[in-house]
Amino acid sequence: MITKEKKSETVKKYGKGSSDSGSAPVQIALLTDRIKDLSGHLKSNKKDYSSQRGLLKLVGQRRRLLDYLKKHDLPTYNTILKQLDLRK
């Protein structure tokens, strides 16, 4: 579970301001945090298929946002990939 403090810290780091929670880089960063958290949960709970499905939905959503960002703002896309240590 992502705490409010962690979420606001991520928004400040990747957003244009402290209240910019809707831009694509912020959404991608928040989804990455949730994916990492859920991956850790699934390592200890291998048969939690509901969470596994949720993880796949989050990964797909992040993939769509990354595709959008690549199409509309390539420099930001490249910096986000490096900052979040995502491979592509």
C-alpha atoms as a PDB file:
ATOM      1  CA  MET A   1       0.000   0.000   0.000  1.00  0.00           C
ATOM      2  CA  ILE A   2       1.322   3.408  -0.938  1.00  0.00           C
ATOM      3  CA  THR A   3       1.087   6.004   1.816  1.00  0.00           C
ATOM      4  CA  LYS A   4      -0.055   9.587   1.315  1.00  0.00           C
ATOM      5  CA  GLU A   5       3.443  10.854   2.038  1.00  0.00           C
ATOM      6  CA  LYS A   6       5.006   8.570  -0.578  1.00  0.00           C
ATOM      7  CA  LYS A   7       2.391   9.574  -3.134  1.00  0.00           C
ATOM      8  CA  SER A   8       2.835  13.306  -2.531  1.00  0.00           C
ATOM      9  CA  GLU A   9       6.619  12.878  -2.695  1.00  0.00           C
ATOM     10  CA  THR A  10       6.282  11.145  -6.079  1.00  0.00           C
ATOM     11  CA  VAL A  11       3.945  13.863  -7.365  1.00  0.00           C
ATOM     12  CA  LYS A  12       6.434  16.567  -6.345  1.00  0.00           C
ATOM     13  CA  LYS A  13       9.328  14.718  -7.962  1.00  0.00           C
ATOM     14  CA  TYR A  14       7.747  13.933 -11.339  1.00  0.00           C
ATOM     15  CA  GLY A  15       5.053  16.597 -11.626  1.00  0.00           C
ATOM     16  CA  LYS A  16       5.160  20.207 -12.688  1.00  0.00           C
ATOM     17  CA  GLY A  17       3.909  21.287  -9.276  1.00  0.00           C
ATOM     18  CA  SER A  18       2.828  19.883  -5.943  1.00  0.00           C
ATOM     19  CA  SER A  19      -0.759  19.384  -7.121  1.00  0.00           C
ATOM     20  CA  ASP A  20      -0.008  17.988 -10.597  1.00  0.00           C
ATOM     21  CA  SER A  21      -1.258  14.435 -10.204  1.00  0.00           C
ATOM     22  CA  GLY A  22      -2.777  14.007 -13.662  1.00  0.00           C
ATOM     23  CA  SER A  23       0.152  14.370 -16.028  1.00  0.00           C
ATOM     24  CA  ALA A  24       1.443  11.239 -17.725  1.00  0.00           C
ATOM     25  CA  PRO A  25       4.885  11.129 -16.007  1.00  0.00           C
ATOM     26  CA  VAL A  26       3.275  11.352 -12.563  1.00  0.00           C
ATOM     27  CA  GLN A  27       0.740   8.650 -13.385  1.00  0.00           C
ATOM     28  CA  ILE A  28       3.497   6.392 -14.717  1.00  0.00           C
ATOM     29  CA  ALA A  29       5.591   6.919 -11.578  1.00  0.00           C
ATOM     30  CA  LEU A  30       2.618   6.184  -9.282  1.00  0.00           C
ATOM     31  CA  LEU A  31       1.732   3.059 -11.244  1.00  0.00           C
ATOM     32  CA  THR A  32       5.356   1.917 -11.020  1.00  0.00           C
ATOM     33  CA  ASP A  33       5.252   2.299  -7.234  1.00  0.00           C
ATOM     34  CA  ARG A  34       2.041   0.269  -7.048  1.00  0.00           C
ATOM     35  CA  ILE A  35       3.453  -2.400  -9.377  1.00  0.00           C
ATOM     36  CA  LYS A  36       6.597  -2.789  -7.258  1.00  0.00           C
ATOM     37  CA  ASP A  37       4.506  -3.028  -4.090  1.00  0.00           C
ATOM     38  CA  LEU A  38       2.167  -5.622  -5.600  1.00  0.00           C
ATOM     39  CA  SER A  39       5.082  -7.637  -6.999  1.00  0.00           C
ATOM     40  CA  GLY A  40       6.528  -7.922  -3.507  1.00  0.00           C
ATOM     41  CA  HIS A  41       3.156  -9.092  -2.200  1.00  0.00           C
ATOM     42  CA  LEU A  42       2.917 -11.748  -4.902  1.00  0.00           C
ATOM     43  CA  LYS A  43       6.365 -13.132  -4.098  1.00  0.00           C
ATOM     44  CA  SER A  44       5.124 -14.225  -0.700  1.00  0.00           C
ATOM     45  CA  ASN A  45       1.536 -15.042  -1.787  1.00  0.00           C
ATOM     46  CA  LYS A  46       1.950 -17.026  -4.970  1.00  0.00           C
ATOM     47  CA  LYS A  47      -1.661 -18.212  -5.167  1.00  0.00           C
ATOM     48  CA  ASP A  48      -3.285 -14.784  -4.847  1.00  0.00           C
ATOM     49  CA  TYR A  49      -4.729 -14.782  -8.344  1.00  0.00           C
ATOM     50  CA  SER A  50      -6.912 -11.711  -7.805  1.00  0.00           C
ATOM     51  CA  SER A  51      -3.866  -9.608  -7.031  1.00  0.00           C
ATOM     52  CA  GLN A  52      -2.063 -11.181  -9.958  1.00  0.00           C
ATOM     53  CA  ARG A  53      -4.841 -10.047 -12.289  1.00  0.00           C
ATOM     54  CA  GLY A  54      -4.734  -6.579 -10.770  1.00  0.00           C
ATOM     55  CA  LEU A  55      -0.987  -6.452 -11.370  1.00  0.00           C
ATOM     56  CA  LEU A  56      -1.454  -7.330 -15.025  1.00  0.00           C
ATOM     57  CA  LYS A  57      -4.049  -4.566 -15.380  1.00  0.00           C
ATOM     58  CA  LEU A  58      -1.657  -2.034 -13.814  1.00  0.00           C
ATOM     59  CA  VAL A  59       1.169  -3.092 -16.110  1.00  0.00           C
ATOM     60  CA  GLY A  60      -1.102  -2.702 -19.137  1.00  0.00           C
ATOM     61  CA  GLN A  61      -2.240   0.727 -17.995  1.00  0.00           C
ATOM     62  CA  ARG A  62       1.371   1.845 -17.505  1.00  0.00           C
ATOM     63  CA  ARG A  63       2.252   0.469 -20.943  1.00  0.00           C
ATOM     64  CA  ARG A  64      -0.547   2.531 -22.557  1.00  0.00           C
ATOM     65  CA  LEU A  65       0.584   5.677 -20.751  1.00  0.00           C
ATOM     66  CA  LEU A  66       4.180   5.090 -21.844  1.00  0.00           C
ATOM     67  CA  ASP A  67       3.040   4.634 -25.451  1.00  0.00           C
ATOM     68  CA  TYR A  68       1.089   7.885 -25.233  1.00  0.00           C
ATOM     69  CA  LEU A  69       4.075   9.724 -23.797  1.00  0.00           C
ATOM     70  CA  LYS A  70       6.381   8.305 -26.472  1.00  0.00           C
ATOM     71  CA  LYS A  71       4.012   9.480 -29.187  1.00  0.00           C
ATOM     72  CA  HIS A  72       3.517  13.012 -27.815  1.00  0.00           C
ATOM     73  CA  ASP A  73       6.678  13.909 -25.850  1.00  0.00           C
ATOM     74  CA  LEU A  74       9.739  11.808 -26.661  1.00  0.00           C
ATOM     75  CA  PRO A  75      12.303  13.621 -24.443  1.00  0.00           C
ATOM     76  CA  THR A  76      10.088  13.256 -21.364  1.00  0.00           C
ATOM     77  CA  TYR A  77       9.527   9.592 -22.271  1.00  0.00           C
ATOM     78  CA  ASN A  78      13.283   8.950 -22.351  1.00  0.00           C
ATOM     79  CA  THR A  79      13.905  10.724 -19.036  1.00  0.00           C
ATOM     80  CA  ILE A  80      11.045   8.852 -17.326  1.00  0.00           C
ATOM     81  CA  LEU A  81      12.448   5.510 -18.509  1.00  0.00           C
ATOM     82  CA  LYS A  82      15.861   6.362 -17.075  1.00  0.00           C
ATOM     83  CA  GLN A  83      14.544   7.780 -13.791  1.00  0.00           C
ATOM     84  CA  LEU A  84      12.230   4.858 -13.084  1.00  0.00           C
ATOM     85  CA  ASP A  85      14.748   2.300 -14.360  1.00  0.00           C
ATOM     86  CA  LEU A  86      12.290   0.750 -16.816  1.00  0.00           C
ATOM     87  CA  ARG A  87      13.508  -1.185 -19.795  1.00  0.00           C
ATOM     88  CA  LYS A  88      12.190  -0.635 -23.253  1.00  0.00           C
END
